[in-house]
């Protein structure tokens, strides 16, 4: 029951978001950052912002056409 309520609440929050793709991207980015060890954080570069990711994705789509 709790799981179903959590999923329904999550779906409601994503549905109310201005840009649900941005919300999902930021959520995954934050989760991955939280799972990194301190040494992993020191060695890796930060993930790009959603805007930078979207811009790069659009450029790749245009170049593949």
Protein backbone atom coordinates (compact mmCIF):
# COMPACT_ATOMS: atom_id res chain seq x y z
CA UNK A 1 0.00 0.00 0.00
CA UNK A 2 2.80 2.42 0.87
CA UNK A 3 4.57 1.66 -2.38
CA UNK A 4 1.45 2.35 -4.42
CA UNK A 5 0.91 5.61 -2.56
CA UNK A 6 4.54 6.61 -3.13
CA UNK A 7 4.31 5.86 -6.84
CA UNK A 8 1.07 7.82 -7.14
CA UNK A 9 2.61 10.78 -5.33
CA UNK A 10 5.70 10.64 -7.54
CA UNK A 11 3.55 10.52 -10.68
CA UNK A 12 1.56 13.49 -9.43
CA UNK A 13 4.69 15.52 -8.75
CA UNK A 14 6.20 14.69 -12.13
CA UNK A 15 2.92 15.55 -13.84
CA UNK A 16 2.81 18.93 -12.12
CA UNK A 17 6.37 19.78 -13.04
CA UNK A 18 6.90 22.45 -15.68
CA UNK A 19 9.22 20.19 -17.66
CA UNK A 20 8.95 16.54 -16.58
CA UNK A 21 12.06 15.55 -18.58
CA UNK A 22 14.10 18.12 -16.65
CA UNK A 23 12.75 16.74 -13.36
CA UNK A 24 13.66 13.18 -14.29
CA UNK A 25 17.12 14.23 -15.53
CA UNK A 26 17.83 16.19 -12.34
CA UNK A 27 16.56 13.32 -10.18
CA UNK A 28 18.81 10.78 -11.89
CA UNK A 29 21.76 13.19 -11.75
CA UNK A 30 21.25 13.79 -8.02
CA UNK A 31 20.86 10.08 -7.32
CA UNK A 32 24.05 9.22 -9.18
CA UNK A 33 25.92 11.97 -7.35
CA UNK A 34 24.66 10.71 -3.99
CA UNK A 35 25.84 7.17 -4.74
CA UNK A 36 29.41 8.24 -5.55
CA UNK A 37 32.14 7.76 -2.99
CA UNK A 38 34.30 10.78 -2.09
CA UNK A 39 37.15 9.43 -4.21
CA UNK A 40 34.79 9.01 -7.18
CA UNK A 41 33.63 12.61 -6.79
CA UNK A 42 37.22 13.84 -6.77
CA UNK A 43 38.08 11.95 -9.96
CA UNK A 44 34.98 12.60 -12.07
CA UNK A 45 33.79 15.76 -13.75
CA UNK A 46 30.32 17.04 -12.85
CA UNK A 47 27.42 16.01 -15.04
CA UNK A 48 26.20 18.68 -17.46
CA UNK A 49 23.11 20.70 -16.65
CA UNK A 50 19.85 19.75 -18.32
CA UNK A 51 20.09 22.73 -20.65
CA UNK A 52 23.59 21.73 -21.80
CA UNK A 53 22.48 18.11 -22.21
CA UNK A 54 19.43 19.14 -24.27
CA UNK A 55 21.50 21.45 -26.47
CA UNK A 56 24.05 18.71 -27.18
CA UNK A 57 21.27 16.20 -27.87
CA UNK A 58 19.61 18.56 -30.37
CA UNK A 59 22.93 19.14 -32.13
CA UNK A 60 23.51 15.41 -32.45
CA UNK A 61 20.03 14.89 -33.85
CA UNK A 62 20.62 17.59 -36.48
CA UNK A 63 24.00 16.18 -37.47
CA UNK A 64 22.63 12.65 -37.86
CA UNK A 65 19.99 13.75 -40.38
